Each structure stands twice: as C-alpha cells, then as structure tokens.
N, C-alpha and C. Protein backbone atom coordinates (compact mmCIF):
# COMPACT_ATOMS: atom_id res chain seq x y z
N MET A 1 80.32 -50.63 4.91
CA MET A 1 80.79 -49.31 4.02
C MET A 1 80.86 -48.19 5.19
N LYS A 2 81.57 -47.54 5.19
CA LYS A 2 81.57 -46.29 6.00
C LYS A 2 80.58 -45.21 5.64
N SER A 3 80.30 -44.33 6.53
CA SER A 3 79.73 -43.04 5.78
C SER A 3 80.37 -42.06 4.97
N GLN A 4 79.87 -41.54 4.14
CA GLN A 4 81.00 -40.53 3.05
C GLN A 4 81.50 -39.60 4.40
N LYS A 5 80.71 -39.09 5.21
CA LYS A 5 81.39 -37.90 6.17
C LYS A 5 81.95 -38.31 6.95
N GLN A 6 82.49 -39.63 7.36
CA GLN A 6 83.11 -40.16 8.06
C GLN A 6 84.49 -41.22 7.26
N HIS A 7 84.59 -41.08 6.39
CA HIS A 7 85.52 -42.13 5.56
C HIS A 7 86.85 -41.26 5.37
N GLN A 8 87.55 -42.21 5.42
CA GLN A 8 89.13 -41.89 5.70
C GLN A 8 89.68 -40.97 4.50
N TYR A 9 88.95 -41.52 3.40
CA TYR A 9 89.42 -40.35 2.28
C TYR A 9 89.34 -38.60 2.43
N ARG A 10 88.04 -38.12 3.29
CA ARG A 10 87.61 -37.60 3.29
C ARG A 10 88.49 -37.05 4.36
N ASN A 11 88.84 -37.34 5.03
CA ASN A 11 89.84 -36.86 6.25
C ASN A 11 91.15 -36.78 5.86
N THR A 12 91.54 -37.23 5.12
CA THR A 12 92.87 -37.15 4.03
C THR A 12 93.12 -35.93 3.54
N ILE A 13 92.08 -35.03 2.43
CA ILE A 13 91.42 -34.54 1.70
C ILE A 13 91.29 -33.58 2.26
N GLN A 14 91.07 -33.20 3.43
CA GLN A 14 90.72 -32.20 4.57
C GLN A 14 92.07 -31.79 5.12
N GLN A 15 93.00 -32.85 5.67
CA GLN A 15 94.34 -32.48 5.89
C GLN A 15 94.66 -32.11 4.59
N TYR A 16 94.81 -32.43 3.59
CA TYR A 16 95.72 -32.13 2.03
C TYR A 16 95.37 -30.75 2.17
N TYR A 17 94.07 -29.95 2.30
CA TYR A 17 93.52 -29.36 1.93
C TYR A 17 94.06 -28.09 3.28
N TYR A 18 94.09 -28.65 4.21
CA TYR A 18 94.83 -27.25 5.61
C TYR A 18 95.66 -27.19 5.65
N GLY A 19 96.87 -28.11 4.82
CA GLY A 19 98.20 -28.04 4.54
C GLY A 19 98.29 -26.94 3.52
N CYS A 20 97.24 -27.18 2.72
CA CYS A 20 97.57 -25.89 1.16
C CYS A 20 97.05 -24.70 1.49
N SER A 21 96.08 -24.19 2.73
CA SER A 21 95.48 -23.14 3.08
C SER A 21 96.36 -22.68 3.68
N THR A 22 97.56 -23.57 4.70
CA THR A 22 98.46 -22.87 5.43
C THR A 22 100.11 -23.25 5.27
N ALA A 23 100.37 -23.41 3.94
CA ALA A 23 101.24 -23.58 3.31
C ALA A 23 102.11 -24.75 4.78
N ASP A 24 101.97 -25.52 4.48
CA ASP A 24 102.17 -27.03 5.55
C ASP A 24 102.59 -27.81 4.79
N PHE A 25 104.17 -27.82 4.62
CA PHE A 25 104.99 -28.99 3.63
C PHE A 25 104.81 -30.18 4.51
N ASP A 26 104.76 -30.09 5.47
CA ASP A 26 104.93 -31.74 6.04
C ASP A 26 103.80 -32.05 6.32
N LEU A 27 102.65 -31.44 6.71
CA LEU A 27 101.29 -32.08 6.33
C LEU A 27 100.61 -32.47 4.84
N MET A 28 101.36 -31.40 4.49
CA MET A 28 100.95 -31.94 2.47
C MET A 28 101.63 -33.44 2.53
N MET A 29 102.89 -33.48 2.81
CA MET A 29 103.10 -34.45 2.53
C MET A 29 102.88 -35.90 3.45
N SER A 30 102.22 -35.83 4.59
CA SER A 30 101.44 -36.80 5.22
C SER A 30 100.59 -37.12 4.69
N THR A 31 99.91 -36.68 3.33
CA THR A 31 98.77 -37.18 2.48
C THR A 31 99.05 -37.90 1.57
N PHE A 32 100.30 -37.92 1.24
CA PHE A 32 100.57 -38.04 -0.45
C PHE A 32 101.45 -39.45 -0.32
N ASP A 33 100.89 -40.04 -1.66
CA ASP A 33 101.65 -41.28 -2.08
C ASP A 33 102.82 -40.26 -2.46
N PRO A 34 104.13 -41.18 -2.49
CA PRO A 34 105.42 -40.49 -3.01
C PRO A 34 105.07 -39.91 -4.76
N ASP A 35 104.67 -41.25 -5.33
CA ASP A 35 104.14 -40.63 -6.84
C ASP A 35 103.23 -39.70 -7.18
N VAL A 36 102.60 -39.09 -6.22
CA VAL A 36 101.53 -38.15 -6.95
C VAL A 36 101.74 -37.50 -8.00
N VAL A 37 100.71 -37.59 -8.55
CA VAL A 37 100.07 -36.59 -9.88
C VAL A 37 99.31 -35.95 -9.73
N HIS A 38 99.44 -34.38 -9.93
CA HIS A 38 98.28 -33.53 -9.94
C HIS A 38 98.10 -33.09 -11.14
N TYR A 39 96.80 -33.01 -11.87
CA TYR A 39 96.74 -32.55 -12.93
C TYR A 39 95.86 -31.35 -13.35
N PHE A 40 96.46 -30.61 -13.96
CA PHE A 40 95.66 -29.12 -13.84
C PHE A 40 95.45 -28.73 -14.99
N VAL A 41 94.41 -27.65 -15.30
CA VAL A 41 93.64 -27.49 -16.54
C VAL A 41 94.48 -26.18 -16.90
N ASP A 42 95.22 -25.46 -16.38
CA ASP A 42 95.97 -24.25 -16.33
C ASP A 42 97.43 -24.21 -17.04
N HIS A 43 98.24 -25.70 -16.77
CA HIS A 43 99.27 -25.73 -16.66
C HIS A 43 99.70 -27.21 -16.48
N SER A 44 100.99 -27.25 -16.63
CA SER A 44 101.96 -28.85 -17.04
C SER A 44 101.08 -29.60 -15.09
N ALA A 45 101.09 -31.06 -15.73
CA ALA A 45 101.14 -31.36 -14.07
C ALA A 45 102.63 -31.36 -13.07
N VAL A 46 101.95 -31.47 -11.85
CA VAL A 46 102.75 -31.78 -11.14
C VAL A 46 103.23 -32.65 -10.79
N ARG A 47 104.55 -33.69 -10.30
CA ARG A 47 104.65 -35.08 -10.40
C ARG A 47 105.64 -35.05 -9.10
N GLY A 48 105.04 -35.90 -8.36
CA GLY A 48 106.00 -36.06 -6.83
C GLY A 48 105.19 -35.75 -5.75
N ALA A 49 105.76 -36.47 -4.46
CA ALA A 49 105.03 -35.91 -3.45
C ALA A 49 105.87 -33.99 -3.08
N ALA A 50 107.24 -34.03 -2.79
CA ALA A 50 108.03 -33.04 -2.32
C ALA A 50 107.65 -32.03 -3.71
N ALA A 51 107.64 -32.37 -4.53
CA ALA A 51 107.02 -31.21 -5.84
C ALA A 51 105.79 -30.43 -5.77
N LEU A 52 104.87 -31.42 -5.08
CA LEU A 52 103.80 -31.00 -5.02
C LEU A 52 103.73 -30.23 -3.87
N ALA A 53 104.13 -30.44 -2.85
CA ALA A 53 103.83 -29.65 -1.84
C ALA A 53 104.36 -28.21 -1.62
N ASN A 54 105.73 -28.29 -2.26
CA ASN A 54 106.66 -27.41 -2.54
C ASN A 54 105.58 -26.46 -3.79
N TYR A 55 104.85 -26.93 -4.46
CA TYR A 55 104.18 -26.29 -5.44
C TYR A 55 102.87 -25.47 -4.86
N TRP A 56 102.04 -25.95 -3.78
CA TRP A 56 101.50 -25.20 -2.80
C TRP A 56 101.63 -24.14 -1.76
N VAL A 57 103.09 -24.84 -1.46
CA VAL A 57 103.85 -23.73 -0.36
C VAL A 57 104.20 -22.61 -1.35
N LYS A 58 104.18 -22.19 -1.96
CA LYS A 58 104.77 -21.08 -3.02
C LYS A 58 103.42 -20.44 -3.66
N VAL A 59 102.32 -21.15 -4.39
CA VAL A 59 101.06 -20.76 -4.94
C VAL A 59 100.05 -20.09 -3.94
N GLY A 60 99.70 -21.00 -2.79
CA GLY A 60 98.57 -20.53 -1.87
C GLY A 60 98.76 -18.71 -1.47
N PRO A 61 99.95 -18.82 -0.55
CA PRO A 61 100.17 -17.27 -0.01
C PRO A 61 100.26 -16.39 -1.11
N LYS A 62 100.67 -16.57 -2.50
CA LYS A 62 100.56 -15.08 -3.27
C LYS A 62 99.01 -14.80 -3.90
N THR A 63 98.20 -15.97 -3.53
CA THR A 63 96.61 -15.65 -4.08
C THR A 63 96.05 -15.74 -2.62
N GLN A 64 96.87 -15.72 -1.70
CA GLN A 64 95.57 -15.78 -0.33
C GLN A 64 94.77 -16.94 -0.60
N ALA A 65 95.16 -18.19 -1.00
CA ALA A 65 94.00 -19.19 -0.91
C ALA A 65 93.59 -19.76 -0.04
N SER A 66 92.60 -20.05 0.20
CA SER A 66 92.00 -21.42 1.08
C SER A 66 90.91 -22.25 0.90
N TRP A 67 91.39 -23.44 0.67
CA TRP A 67 90.36 -24.39 0.30
C TRP A 67 89.56 -25.07 1.65
N THR A 68 88.49 -25.46 0.86
CA THR A 68 87.30 -26.24 1.85
C THR A 68 86.73 -27.30 1.02
N LEU A 69 86.38 -28.59 1.52
CA LEU A 69 85.98 -30.01 1.00
C LEU A 69 84.46 -29.51 1.28
N ASP A 70 83.62 -29.14 0.18
CA ASP A 70 82.19 -29.10 0.01
C ASP A 70 81.00 -30.15 -0.09
N HIS A 71 81.56 -31.05 -0.40
CA HIS A 71 80.92 -32.42 -0.83
C HIS A 71 81.39 -33.46 -1.45
N ILE A 72 81.52 -34.74 -0.73
CA ILE A 72 82.22 -35.68 -1.46
C ILE A 72 81.43 -36.97 -1.60
N LEU A 73 81.97 -37.27 -2.78
CA LEU A 73 81.43 -39.04 -2.96
C LEU A 73 82.16 -39.97 -3.24
N VAL A 74 82.75 -41.59 -2.14
CA VAL A 74 84.22 -41.98 -2.20
C VAL A 74 83.38 -43.63 -3.01
N GLN A 75 84.07 -44.15 -3.89
CA GLN A 75 84.05 -45.45 -4.16
C GLN A 75 85.28 -46.20 -4.71
N GLU A 76 85.71 -46.41 -3.45
CA GLU A 76 86.88 -46.73 -3.25
C GLU A 76 87.63 -47.70 -4.65
N PRO A 77 88.64 -47.25 -4.79
CA PRO A 77 90.11 -46.14 -4.36
C PRO A 77 90.00 -44.83 -4.80
N GLU A 78 88.56 -44.48 -5.40
CA GLU A 78 88.47 -42.71 -5.93
C GLU A 78 87.32 -42.23 -5.06
N ALA A 79 87.63 -40.87 -4.95
CA ALA A 79 86.80 -40.27 -4.05
C ALA A 79 86.64 -38.31 -5.77
N VAL A 80 85.37 -38.19 -5.30
CA VAL A 80 85.46 -37.11 -6.03
C VAL A 80 84.67 -36.13 -5.14
N ILE A 81 85.34 -35.03 -5.69
CA ILE A 81 84.20 -33.77 -4.43
C ILE A 81 84.60 -32.75 -5.26
N GLU A 82 83.28 -31.33 -4.33
CA GLU A 82 83.57 -30.64 -4.70
C GLU A 82 84.14 -29.18 -3.63
N TRP A 83 84.44 -28.04 -3.98
CA TRP A 83 85.13 -27.24 -3.62
C TRP A 83 85.48 -25.83 -3.48
N SER A 84 85.35 -25.22 -2.53
CA SER A 84 85.41 -23.72 -2.58
C SER A 84 86.82 -23.27 -2.32
N MET A 85 86.87 -22.11 -3.17
CA MET A 85 88.24 -21.59 -2.42
C MET A 85 88.32 -19.98 -2.77
N PRO A 86 88.05 -19.20 -1.61
CA PRO A 86 88.04 -17.86 -1.74
C PRO A 86 89.56 -17.51 -1.88
N TRP A 87 90.09 -16.56 -2.76
CA TRP A 87 91.77 -16.11 -3.06
C TRP A 87 91.53 -14.49 -3.59
N THR A 88 92.46 -14.49 -3.74
CA THR A 88 92.90 -13.10 -4.21
C THR A 88 93.80 -12.70 -5.86
N PRO A 89 92.93 -12.88 -6.79
CA PRO A 89 93.77 -12.90 -8.21
C PRO A 89 94.70 -11.89 -8.28
N PRO A 90 95.89 -11.78 -8.59
CA PRO A 90 97.08 -11.23 -8.81
C PRO A 90 96.39 -10.42 -9.80
N GLN A 91 95.96 -10.43 -10.90
CA GLN A 91 95.18 -9.67 -11.99
C GLN A 91 94.99 -8.57 -11.49
N ASP A 92 94.17 -8.61 -10.31
CA ASP A 92 92.80 -7.39 -10.23
C ASP A 92 93.01 -7.26 -8.58
N GLN A 93 93.64 -8.24 -7.74
CA GLN A 93 93.24 -8.03 -6.25
C GLN A 93 92.41 -7.95 -5.43
N LYS A 94 91.42 -8.65 -6.43
CA LYS A 94 89.47 -8.12 -5.92
C LYS A 94 89.24 -9.50 -5.26
N ARG A 95 89.22 -9.85 -4.18
CA ARG A 95 88.95 -11.27 -3.19
C ARG A 95 87.72 -11.60 -3.75
N GLN A 96 87.46 -13.09 -4.57
CA GLN A 96 86.55 -13.80 -4.63
C GLN A 96 86.17 -15.25 -4.51
N MET A 97 85.64 -15.58 -5.03
CA MET A 97 85.00 -16.94 -4.47
C MET A 97 85.34 -17.94 -5.87
N LEU A 98 86.36 -18.98 -6.18
CA LEU A 98 86.24 -20.03 -7.21
C LEU A 98 85.57 -21.36 -6.22
N ARG A 99 84.80 -22.22 -7.20
CA ARG A 99 84.39 -23.10 -7.20
C ARG A 99 84.96 -24.42 -8.13
N GLY A 100 84.98 -25.46 -7.85
CA GLY A 100 85.22 -26.65 -8.80
C GLY A 100 85.30 -27.83 -7.79
N THR A 101 85.86 -28.80 -8.70
CA THR A 101 85.49 -30.43 -8.58
C THR A 101 86.97 -31.11 -8.63
N GLU A 102 87.16 -32.14 -7.91
CA GLU A 102 88.26 -32.90 -8.03
C GLU A 102 88.16 -34.41 -7.91
N TRP A 103 88.86 -35.23 -8.90
CA TRP A 103 88.82 -36.54 -8.66
C TRP A 103 90.02 -36.97 -7.87
N TYR A 104 89.89 -37.63 -7.20
CA TYR A 104 90.99 -38.25 -6.36
C TYR A 104 91.31 -40.24 -6.52
N LEU A 105 92.38 -40.18 -6.63
CA LEU A 105 92.83 -41.84 -6.59
C LEU A 105 93.45 -41.90 -5.58
N PHE A 106 93.45 -42.76 -5.08
CA PHE A 106 94.19 -43.18 -3.48
C PHE A 106 94.63 -44.32 -3.79
N LYS A 107 95.63 -44.67 -3.13
CA LYS A 107 96.95 -45.43 -2.81
C LYS A 107 96.97 -46.13 -1.59
N ASP A 108 96.63 -47.35 -0.67
CA ASP A 108 97.04 -47.09 0.39
C ASP A 108 96.56 -46.07 1.22
N ASP A 109 95.50 -45.50 1.29
CA ASP A 109 94.94 -44.61 1.47
C ASP A 109 95.56 -43.02 1.56
N LYS A 110 96.56 -42.98 1.00
CA LYS A 110 97.16 -41.90 0.43
C LYS A 110 97.12 -40.83 -0.86
N ILE A 111 96.69 -40.28 -1.29
CA ILE A 111 96.47 -39.63 -2.30
C ILE A 111 97.17 -39.72 -3.77
N ALA A 112 97.17 -40.66 -4.39
CA ALA A 112 98.20 -40.92 -5.88
C ALA A 112 98.10 -40.25 -7.13
N GLU A 113 96.66 -39.10 -7.09
CA GLU A 113 96.62 -38.52 -8.74
C GLU A 113 94.93 -37.77 -7.87
N ILE A 114 95.30 -36.63 -8.26
CA ILE A 114 94.32 -35.44 -8.54
C ILE A 114 93.83 -34.88 -9.88
N ARG A 115 92.69 -34.93 -10.34
CA ARG A 115 92.27 -34.22 -11.33
C ARG A 115 91.39 -33.44 -11.14
N SER A 116 91.87 -31.54 -11.06
CA SER A 116 91.53 -30.52 -10.48
C SER A 116 90.77 -29.57 -12.03
N TYR A 117 89.09 -29.55 -11.82
CA TYR A 117 88.71 -29.07 -13.02
C TYR A 117 88.16 -27.70 -11.90
N HIS A 118 87.76 -26.39 -12.95
CA HIS A 118 87.54 -25.39 -12.07
C HIS A 118 87.24 -24.41 -13.83
N ASN A 119 86.39 -23.74 -13.52
CA ASN A 119 86.26 -22.24 -14.56
C ASN A 119 86.52 -21.20 -14.15
N ASN A 120 87.38 -20.82 -14.22
CA ASN A 120 88.78 -19.98 -13.53
C ASN A 120 88.41 -18.87 -15.16
N TYR A 121 87.94 -17.29 -14.69
CA TYR A 121 87.70 -16.24 -15.23
C TYR A 121 89.05 -16.15 -16.28
N TYR A 122 89.72 -16.46 -15.25
CA TYR A 122 91.22 -15.90 -15.84
C TYR A 122 91.64 -17.00 -17.07
N LEU A 123 91.19 -17.76 -17.34
CA LEU A 123 91.83 -18.79 -18.24
C LEU A 123 90.61 -19.35 -19.50
N HIS A 124 90.68 -18.34 -20.06
CA HIS A 124 90.11 -18.02 -21.13
C HIS A 124 90.61 -19.16 -22.87
N ASP A 125 91.91 -19.05 -22.71
CA ASP A 125 92.76 -20.08 -23.83
C ASP A 125 91.84 -20.90 -24.21
N PRO A 126 91.54 -21.97 -25.29
CA PRO A 126 90.20 -22.89 -25.30
C PRO A 126 91.74 -24.42 -24.60
N LYS A 127 92.88 -23.94 -24.65
CA LYS A 127 93.70 -25.44 -24.39
C LYS A 127 93.71 -25.47 -22.88
N ASN A 128 93.02 -24.56 -22.38
CA ASN A 128 92.18 -25.06 -20.82
C ASN A 128 91.14 -25.56 -20.14
N ARG A 129 90.62 -26.16 -21.54
CA ARG A 129 89.50 -27.17 -21.34
C ARG A 129 89.22 -28.33 -20.90
N GLU A 130 90.84 -28.68 -20.79
CA GLU A 130 91.17 -30.15 -20.51
C GLU A 130 92.26 -30.27 -19.68
N LEU A 131 92.37 -31.06 -19.24
CA LEU A 131 93.74 -31.25 -18.36
C LEU A 131 94.81 -31.94 -18.68
N TRP A 132 95.76 -30.58 -18.96
CA TRP A 132 96.89 -30.76 -19.59
C TRP A 132 98.00 -31.90 -19.38
N ASP A 133 98.71 -32.85 -19.78
CA ASP A 133 99.46 -33.71 -19.67
C ASP A 133 98.61 -34.89 -19.44
N PHE A 134 97.70 -35.25 -19.33
CA PHE A 134 96.83 -35.85 -18.90
C PHE A 134 96.61 -37.10 -20.23
N PRO A 135 96.66 -38.67 -19.47
CA PRO A 135 96.97 -39.51 -20.75
C PRO A 135 95.46 -39.96 -21.19
N TYR A 136 94.71 -39.05 -21.84
CA TYR A 136 93.45 -39.14 -22.14
C TYR A 136 93.11 -40.93 -23.20
N GLU A 137 93.90 -40.76 -24.11
CA GLU A 137 93.16 -41.71 -24.97
C GLU A 137 94.01 -43.70 -24.14
N GLU A 138 94.67 -43.10 -23.33
CA GLU A 138 95.57 -44.49 -22.30
C GLU A 138 94.31 -44.59 -21.65
N ARG A 139 93.32 -44.10 -21.18
CA ARG A 139 92.34 -44.47 -20.28
C ARG A 139 91.27 -44.34 -21.10
N GLY A 140 91.68 -44.68 -22.24
CA GLY A 140 90.19 -44.89 -23.02
C GLY A 140 88.85 -43.80 -22.85
N TYR A 141 89.32 -42.40 -22.75
CA TYR A 141 88.74 -41.18 -22.74
C TYR A 141 88.50 -41.00 -24.59
N PRO A 142 87.21 -40.15 -24.99
CA PRO A 142 87.53 -39.76 -26.25
C PRO A 142 89.06 -39.25 -26.69
N ARG A 143 89.30 -39.63 -28.26
CA ARG A 143 90.48 -38.29 -28.26
C ARG A 143 90.28 -37.70 -28.56
N GLN A 144 91.39 -36.49 -28.23
CA GLN A 144 92.20 -35.41 -27.72
C GLN A 144 91.62 -34.57 -29.24
N ILE A 145 90.76 -33.64 -29.17
CA ILE A 145 90.80 -32.65 -30.23
C ILE A 145 91.69 -31.51 -30.51
N LEU A 146 91.86 -30.68 -29.09
CA LEU A 146 92.32 -29.38 -28.94
C LEU A 146 93.79 -29.55 -28.24
N LYS A 147 94.82 -28.65 -29.25
CA LYS A 147 96.02 -29.31 -29.58
C LYS A 147 96.85 -27.45 -29.05
C-alpha cells in the first residue's frame, strides 16, 4: 500500500486545490471524472466537471480564496481530508482563515464526488447543518429531519 503522503489521491486533490486557488479551469478539469458532483452545506450541489470548474473560476477570485490540503486519510476509493482556506468574506472584507473537511470519492483516479463540511460564521441558517441535495436516506444515513 502506498504511503498516505505519496498516494495519487493526495496529488490529485492538491492539483484540484491549486486549480481552484488560481482559477485554472483546465487544471481542475484534469482532476475530475466527467460526472463529478460537489455537495455543499450552503447551496445546491454542483454537477458535472465543466460546471464545477466554472463555479470555482467565478467564486475563488471573488473571495480571494486559496486552499491547502492539511491532512489526508485514504481508503480506496475514498479519501478524507482536512483543509485550510484563507479568504476574504464579501460581507465584511476582513481576511480570515476557514477550516473544514471533505470526503472524496474517486473513479479511475479522478474525483467523482466531494462532500464538503465547514462551520462558516456566515451560514447561521439551520438548513446549512447538512449537505444540500445529498441522498442521505438512499445511502443508509439516518432520516433527514431538517427541511
């Protein structure tokens, strides 16, 4: 088994993050399965490689965000990471650090799914306590309570 620090998934996620941080559409596309889905805690899922790359090309520069992969655990075909993101929230324009975790599902060494969790001060609404559009019940999670 490969070392977690040298695993291909780590390299792929780092490339993806570099693409997000630099708004490099083609670099992000090179890391995605064509049918990638990114689930968020604050808005609807983004589906499809081009849609996700375009999303980060637009969103990243607006908040001056950049991402780092801080820690990773791999159990193929999944990886779980902790990340850090310096950013500037549009609401107050004060530079700050946001930290979170993501679960990745890979298909043929490409990112097929991302489930992103973080506790952002600006997301007070109770509906932001879980992933939007995620098929919790289908995957055997406890029944969704919040609507």
